[in-house]
Each structure stands twice: as structure tokens, then as C-alpha cells.
Protein backbone atom coordinates (compact mmCIF):
# COMPACT_ATOMS: atom_id res chain seq x y z
CA MET A 1 30.66 206.23 76.80
CA GLU A 2 32.71 204.85 79.67
CA TYR A 3 31.17 202.29 82.04
CA ARG A 4 32.15 201.41 85.58
CA PRO A 5 30.99 198.68 87.99
CA LEU A 6 28.37 199.83 90.48
CA GLY A 7 29.62 198.20 93.66
CA LYS A 8 28.70 194.54 94.01
CA THR A 9 25.48 194.82 91.97
CA GLY A 10 26.95 193.41 88.77
CA LEU A 11 25.68 196.45 86.90
CA ASN A 12 28.14 198.33 84.72
CA VAL A 13 26.77 201.85 84.60
CA SER A 14 27.55 204.81 82.41
CA VAL A 15 29.85 207.36 84.03
CA LEU A 16 27.22 209.97 83.17
CA GLY A 17 23.75 209.17 84.49
CA GLN A 18 20.59 211.14 83.91
CA GLY A 19 19.00 212.68 86.99
CA GLY A 20 15.26 213.15 86.76
CA ALA A 21 14.64 216.06 89.15
CA ALA A 22 14.37 218.50 86.25
CA PHE A 23 11.86 216.18 84.56
CA GLY A 24 9.56 216.99 87.48
CA GLN A 25 9.73 220.74 86.86
CA GLN A 26 11.98 221.18 89.91
CA TYR A 27 14.02 223.88 88.17
CA GLY A 28 11.45 225.40 85.83
CA ALA A 29 8.97 224.29 83.20
CA VAL A 30 9.99 221.59 80.76
CA SER A 31 7.76 219.94 78.18
CA ASP A 32 7.02 216.28 77.60
CA ARG A 33 8.66 216.55 74.18
CA GLU A 34 11.84 218.02 75.65
CA VAL A 35 12.10 215.21 78.19
CA LEU A 36 11.47 212.57 75.53
CA ASP A 37 14.16 214.02 73.28
CA CYS A 38 16.62 214.29 76.17
CA VAL A 39 16.09 210.73 77.42
CA HIS A 40 16.22 209.27 73.92
CA ALA A 41 19.39 211.19 73.08
CA GLY A 42 20.98 210.04 76.33
CA ILE A 43 20.23 206.39 75.62
CA ASP A 44 21.54 206.77 72.07
CA ALA A 45 24.77 208.21 73.55
CA GLY A 46 25.15 205.22 75.89
CA VAL A 47 23.59 206.52 79.11
CA ASN A 48 22.19 203.43 80.84
CA LEU A 49 21.20 204.70 84.28
CA ILE A 50 18.39 207.16 84.98
CA ASP A 51 17.54 208.37 88.48
CA THR A 52 14.13 209.70 89.49
CA ALA A 53 11.92 209.84 92.60
CA ALA A 54 8.30 209.96 93.67
CA TYR A 55 9.10 213.37 95.16
CA TYR A 56 10.16 215.01 91.89
CA GLY A 57 7.16 216.96 90.73
CA LYS A 58 4.97 214.77 92.96
CA GLY A 59 5.30 211.95 90.44
CA THR A 60 5.60 214.05 87.28
CA SER A 61 9.21 213.00 86.71
CA GLU A 62 8.31 209.32 86.87
CA GLU A 63 5.34 209.84 84.55
CA PHE A 64 7.52 211.60 81.98
CA LEU A 65 10.18 208.91 82.25
CA GLY A 66 7.65 206.10 81.92
CA ARG A 67 6.43 207.55 78.64
CA ALA A 68 9.96 208.23 77.42
CA LEU A 69 11.02 204.60 77.93
CA GLU A 70 8.20 203.07 75.91
CA GLY A 71 8.95 201.42 72.59
CA GLY A 72 11.73 199.10 73.76
CA ARG A 73 13.89 201.62 75.57
CA ARG A 74 13.04 200.33 79.05
CA GLU A 75 15.29 197.32 78.49
CA LYS A 76 18.26 199.59 77.72
CA VAL A 77 18.44 201.39 81.07
CA ALA A 78 18.61 200.77 84.77
CA ILE A 79 16.01 202.84 86.61
CA CYS A 80 16.73 204.13 90.08
CA THR A 81 13.79 205.61 91.95
CA LYS A 82 13.35 206.78 95.51
CA ALA A 83 10.54 206.42 98.03
CA CYS A 84 9.60 207.88 101.43
CA ARG A 85 9.82 211.57 100.44
CA LEU A 86 6.54 212.84 99.01
CA ASP A 87 6.90 216.63 99.09
CA ARG A 88 9.31 219.28 100.35
CA ALA A 89 8.23 218.74 103.96
CA VAL A 90 6.26 215.47 103.68
CA PHE A 91 7.99 212.17 104.50
CA ASP A 92 6.76 208.67 105.26
CA PHE A 93 9.39 206.12 106.24
CA THR A 94 6.85 203.57 107.52
CA PRO A 95 6.72 200.18 105.83
CA GLU A 96 3.14 200.86 104.75
CA GLY A 97 3.97 204.28 103.35
CA THR A 98 7.10 203.03 101.62
CA ARG A 99 5.24 200.18 99.95
CA LYS A 100 2.40 202.46 98.82
CA CYS A 101 4.91 204.93 97.41
CA VAL A 102 6.73 202.21 95.45
CA GLU A 103 3.51 200.82 93.98
CA GLY A 104 2.64 204.32 92.75
CA SER A 105 6.11 204.75 91.27
CA LEU A 106 5.94 201.47 89.34
CA LYS A 107 2.58 202.45 87.89
CA ARG A 108 3.86 205.85 86.78
CA LEU A 109 7.06 204.33 85.37
CA ARG A 110 4.98 201.75 83.46
CA THR A 111 7.13 198.86 84.69
CA ASP A 112 6.79 195.97 87.11
CA HIS A 113 10.17 196.58 88.76
CA VAL A 114 13.06 199.00 89.03
CA GLU A 115 16.73 198.15 89.19
CA ILE A 116 17.44 200.35 92.22
CA LEU A 117 15.14 201.54 95.01
CA LEU A 118 16.32 203.99 97.66
CA ALA A 119 14.86 205.46 100.82
CA HIS A 120 15.01 209.16 99.94
CA ASP A 121 16.71 211.84 102.06
CA ILE A 122 16.84 209.87 105.29
CA GLU A 123 18.28 212.86 107.18
CA PHE A 124 14.71 214.17 107.41
CA ALA A 125 13.56 211.14 109.42
CA THR A 126 12.83 211.78 113.09
CA ASP A 127 14.17 208.39 114.18
CA TYR A 128 17.20 206.95 112.39
CA GLU A 129 16.97 203.68 114.28
CA TYR A 130 13.51 203.25 112.77
CA VAL A 131 14.91 203.81 109.28
CA PHE A 132 17.77 201.35 109.84
CA ASN A 133 15.31 198.72 111.05
CA GLU A 134 11.73 199.15 109.81
CA THR A 135 12.32 201.05 106.57
CA TYR A 136 15.28 198.85 105.73
CA ALA A 137 13.20 195.73 106.36
CA VAL A 138 10.51 196.76 103.88
CA LEU A 139 13.18 197.58 101.28
CA GLN A 140 14.52 194.05 101.74
CA GLN A 141 11.03 192.62 101.36
CA LEU A 142 10.37 194.60 98.18
CA LYS A 143 13.65 193.24 96.84
CA LYS A 144 12.57 189.67 97.66
CA GLU A 145 9.26 190.30 95.87
CA GLY A 146 11.08 191.38 92.72
CA LYS A 147 9.85 194.98 92.82
CA THR A 148 13.49 196.06 92.80
CA ARG A 149 16.78 194.32 92.13
CA PHE A 150 18.85 196.44 94.51
CA ILE A 151 18.18 198.64 97.52
CA GLY A 152 19.79 201.57 99.27
CA MET A 153 19.41 205.00 100.82
CA SER A 154 20.26 208.61 100.04
CA CYS A 155 21.04 211.67 102.13
CA TYR A 156 23.22 214.78 102.37
CA PRO A 157 25.17 214.28 105.65
CA LEU A 158 28.01 211.86 104.91
CA PRO A 159 28.30 210.63 108.53
CA LEU A 160 24.66 209.52 108.39
CA LEU A 161 25.15 207.84 105.01
CA ARG A 162 28.15 206.06 106.49
CA GLN A 163 25.98 204.83 109.37
CA ALA A 164 23.44 203.57 106.85
CA VAL A 165 25.97 201.37 105.02
CA GLU A 166 27.48 200.17 108.30
CA ARG A 167 24.11 199.29 109.83
CA CYS A 168 22.29 197.93 106.78
CA ASP A 169 23.24 195.61 103.94
CA LEU A 170 22.77 198.18 101.17
CA ASP A 171 23.61 197.73 97.50
CA VAL A 172 23.65 201.36 96.33
CA VAL A 173 23.61 204.85 97.81
CA ILE A 174 23.32 208.37 96.44
CA SER A 175 25.36 211.18 97.93
CA TYR A 176 24.88 214.73 96.77
CA ALA A 177 26.99 217.91 96.82
CA HIS A 178 30.06 216.09 98.19
CA GLY A 179 31.81 215.36 94.90
CA ASN A 180 32.44 218.72 93.25
CA LEU A 181 34.95 221.53 92.76
CA PHE A 182 34.94 222.70 96.39
CA ASN A 183 33.98 219.53 98.24
CA THR A 184 35.50 216.10 97.63
CA GLN A 185 34.64 214.53 100.98
CA LEU A 186 32.80 211.81 99.09
CA LEU A 187 36.22 210.51 98.05
CA SER A 188 38.09 211.05 101.29
CA ASP A 189 35.43 210.32 103.91
CA PHE A 190 33.01 207.88 102.33
CA MET A 191 34.36 205.89 99.37
CA PRO A 192 36.73 203.74 101.49
CA VAL A 193 33.76 202.58 103.60
CA ALA A 194 31.57 201.98 100.57
CA GLU A 195 34.26 200.09 98.67
CA ALA A 196 35.00 197.89 101.69
CA ARG A 197 31.35 196.80 101.70
CA GLY A 198 30.86 196.63 97.94
CA VAL A 199 28.33 199.45 97.96
CA GLY A 200 27.78 201.23 94.64
CA VAL A 201 27.92 205.04 94.87
CA MET A 202 26.23 207.63 92.70
CA ASN A 203 27.35 211.25 92.91
CA ALA A 204 24.45 213.66 92.57
CA SER A 205 24.40 217.44 92.40
CA ALA A 206 27.87 217.72 90.93
CA LEU A 207 27.20 221.47 90.60
CA ALA A 208 26.39 221.69 94.32
CA MET A 209 22.71 222.62 94.20
CA GLY A 210 23.36 225.33 91.61
CA LEU A 211 26.27 226.95 93.46
CA LEU A 212 28.61 226.08 90.59
CA THR A 213 26.51 227.74 87.88
CA ASN A 214 26.20 231.25 86.51
CA GLN A 215 22.66 231.45 87.87
CA GLY A 216 23.61 230.46 91.40
CA PRO A 217 21.47 228.39 93.79
CA GLN A 218 17.72 228.55 94.35
CA SER A 219 16.41 231.06 96.90
CA TRP A 220 15.82 228.25 99.40
CA PHE A 221 19.46 227.10 99.36
CA PRO A 222 20.24 226.22 103.01
CA GLY A 223 23.97 226.98 103.05
CA PRO A 224 25.76 230.05 104.43
CA PRO A 225 26.06 233.30 102.41
CA GLU A 226 29.85 233.10 102.23
CA VAL A 227 29.58 229.83 100.30
CA VAL A 228 27.23 231.45 97.80
CA GLU A 229 29.47 234.50 97.44
CA THR A 230 32.67 232.49 97.00
CA CYS A 231 31.09 230.34 94.31
CA ARG A 232 29.82 233.50 92.60
CA LYS A 233 33.41 234.79 92.46
CA ALA A 234 34.57 231.49 90.97
CA ALA A 235 31.84 231.69 88.33
CA GLU A 236 32.88 235.25 87.53
CA LEU A 237 36.50 234.16 87.09
CA CYS A 238 35.38 231.53 84.58
CA ARG A 239 33.32 234.06 82.66
CA SER A 240 36.29 236.44 82.53
CA ARG A 241 38.24 233.64 80.80
CA GLY A 242 35.42 232.88 78.36
CA ALA A 243 34.49 229.71 80.24
CA ASP A 244 31.46 228.41 82.13
CA ILE A 245 31.89 227.14 85.69
CA SER A 246 29.12 224.56 85.25
CA TYR A 247 31.02 223.01 82.33
CA LEU A 248 34.25 222.98 84.34
CA GLY A 249 32.35 221.53 87.29
CA MET A 250 30.96 218.65 85.23
CA GLN A 251 34.39 217.95 83.74
CA PHE A 252 35.84 217.78 87.23
CA ALA A 253 33.11 215.52 88.64
CA LEU A 254 33.11 213.15 85.66
CA GLY A 255 36.88 212.85 86.05
CA LEU A 256 36.63 211.43 89.58
CA LYS A 257 37.59 207.89 88.64
CA GLN A 258 36.66 206.30 91.97
CA ILE A 259 33.00 207.23 91.55
CA PRO A 260 31.00 204.86 89.33
CA CYS A 261 28.36 207.33 88.16
CA THR A 262 27.74 211.08 88.33
CA LEU A 263 24.15 212.19 87.78
CA SER A 264 23.34 215.19 85.62
CA GLY A 265 20.04 217.02 85.96
CA ALA A 266 19.73 217.80 82.25
CA ALA A 267 16.14 217.91 80.99
CA ARG A 268 16.84 219.20 77.49
CA LYS A 269 18.96 217.68 74.74
CA SER A 270 21.08 220.83 74.51
CA GLU A 271 22.00 220.49 78.20
CA LEU A 272 22.76 216.80 77.78
CA ASP A 273 25.02 217.57 74.81
CA VAL A 274 27.13 219.89 76.97
CA ASN A 275 27.56 217.17 79.60
CA LEU A 276 28.46 214.58 76.98
CA LYS A 277 31.11 216.94 75.64
CA ALA A 278 32.42 217.49 79.19
CA MET A 279 33.17 213.75 79.44
CA THR A 280 35.76 213.81 76.68
CA ALA A 281 37.02 217.38 76.23
CA ALA A 282 40.43 218.26 77.62
CA LEU A 283 40.32 219.96 81.01
CA ASP A 284 41.82 223.46 81.23
CA GLU A 285 44.25 222.72 84.06
CA THR A 286 45.29 226.37 84.46
CA LEU A 287 41.69 227.52 84.81
CA LEU A 288 40.96 224.66 87.20
CA ALA A 289 43.91 225.59 89.42
CA ASP A 290 42.85 229.25 89.52
CA VAL A 291 39.23 228.37 90.31
CA MET A 292 40.40 226.04 93.08
CA LYS A 293 42.33 228.93 94.66
CA VAL A 294 39.18 231.06 94.67
CA LEU A 295 37.23 228.20 96.27
CA ASP A 296 39.85 227.36 98.90
CA PRO A 297 38.18 229.45 101.67
CA ILE A 298 35.11 227.19 101.50
CA ARG A 299 36.95 223.93 100.87
CA ASP A 300 34.81 220.98 102.10
CA ARG A 301 32.25 223.31 103.69
CA THR A 302 28.89 221.74 104.50
CA TRP A 303 25.63 222.98 105.99
CA PRO A 304 22.86 221.63 108.21
CA CYS A 305 20.28 219.46 106.52
CA GLY A 306 17.17 217.73 107.82
CA ASN A 307 17.19 216.53 111.42
CA TRP A 308 20.81 215.41 111.45
CA LYS A 309 22.68 216.88 114.45
CA GLY A 310 25.98 215.09 114.02
């Protein structure tokens, strides 16, 4: 396992981190046993950062993870969890709501603190000034109280995430769907700002919300049809060569050296094994070049998300 420094935190995190959305049944049913086996196998392979959220399965992900880390494994990993988002359309960025959410998370995770605490999906807030002042203030207070070692925020729109690190003294952020085969704006548009401020960056959704898989995205995917269709063509090209676009996509994302950690949403050991292999296997440069040509028409394409109008 390769480790990289996570900004100014002092944490050296595994290049591959485990994302806990699938633990919360976000992408289909998964059993407690499967999650336990996946988490344990990840730790045995050197994974030392696991990301979850109160939102994932309305706490189910945190409950599963809390059980999985019993027996001495808690000390082997840094936990990142996220507050303020409670359901698909339910958010509470108030200090009171944030604090209540965190207390619930700690109980479910069976720990008295987490390493990283983020305000989740801030693009859905109705007042960004409020988030940069009131929500940020309660994150700072929770840090002072020892409930978390480091604080930050997450969102999809990179300009908003940039505002967050410019306005607030954040330790860590999560960006998603901006560090993948067809969109590398995380590198070009955000990393210089983050590095200048010592902010640690985690790259989530390296397969772009399912776009870079054989199954394609969920029915609620908010992006334009041409993005879905172009990614489908890229997946078909991979299949015609006996390859899997999701494997190529993970190889590509894990190879982005400027990014400390890329999160994988594996919930089963078999899925984790594929991602571990992707870290070290040689990249098919010819296939990558051909896939990139297919994806060129949607290069760096984004879509509206939350209340962000920028």
C-alpha cells in the first residue's frame, strides 16, 4: 500500500480509501457479514482511511462500520464522517443540528471521536454565508472539544469548494466526480488552491456516480443524457477489448499522484480485491488513449447540483 500526506493534518493516508456509502445500502442490499469482511480485508491490505456519513442509509453505514472496527481495529484507521445531510432532501446546517448529528454518529460508530468531520454536500444549503460562518464555527468548536481532530466540507461544484477553503480554515475536503477519466478539473482547478493552504483532498466517486461502469448511473443521475450515452460508448469499447471500464477508471484515478486519497465504494471483499489489484497492475496505455478519444466530447463536463448557481 502506498501512503501520501493528507494536507497539513500530519496524517499519512492510504492512496485507496474505503467509502462507506455502499455500507448504507445506497447501491443495493449488502449484509453485515459482507461489510465486516470487506472492512477487515481492507485494513489487512493497508487501507487506513474509511469515509462514511450520517446520511448513508440514515446511519446504517456508521452502524455497520462501528461493529466492523471492534476488536482493536478502530486504532488502525482514520474515520471520516459527515454531518448536516440527513436524507436525500433533508439538510440541517445549524449549529444545533450539526452537533446533534455528530453525537448520533459517534454513538453509531462506537467511538468518542473521529479523525475527520465534514459538513456534507454544502451546495444544498440555502445560504452559503451561513455555512461559512455558523456551520464552520460549530465545526471548530467540535474540534476544540476533541470530537474530531480535523474539520472540513464536501460538495460537487468546485467553485463552491474553492470558496469554502478560501473563506474557512479547513483541514480536509472531499470532492467527487472531478477526478476521473473524463473530468480532471480537481487537478487543474482546485489542487493548486488546496495545496497553497495545506488542505488535504480526498477524491470520491472516481467512477463518476456510476457513469464509468457497465451498469451505468442510477436513474436519478442529474447529468445530461449525452454524458450518459458517451460513457456508455466508452464502456462498450472496453468490453469489446475484453476489459472493464470501471477497472480502467480506478487505475486512472489511483494514478493521479497529486491526490492523497481516492475513495472506493466497495462493500464486498471481491470488489475491494479488484481495486487493490488496480493500484499495482500495469495500465493498458493503448486502451486508455482510445477510451479518452471516445470521452473527448464530454471532457470536463459538469451538471447542476444543489442550490449552486455559479
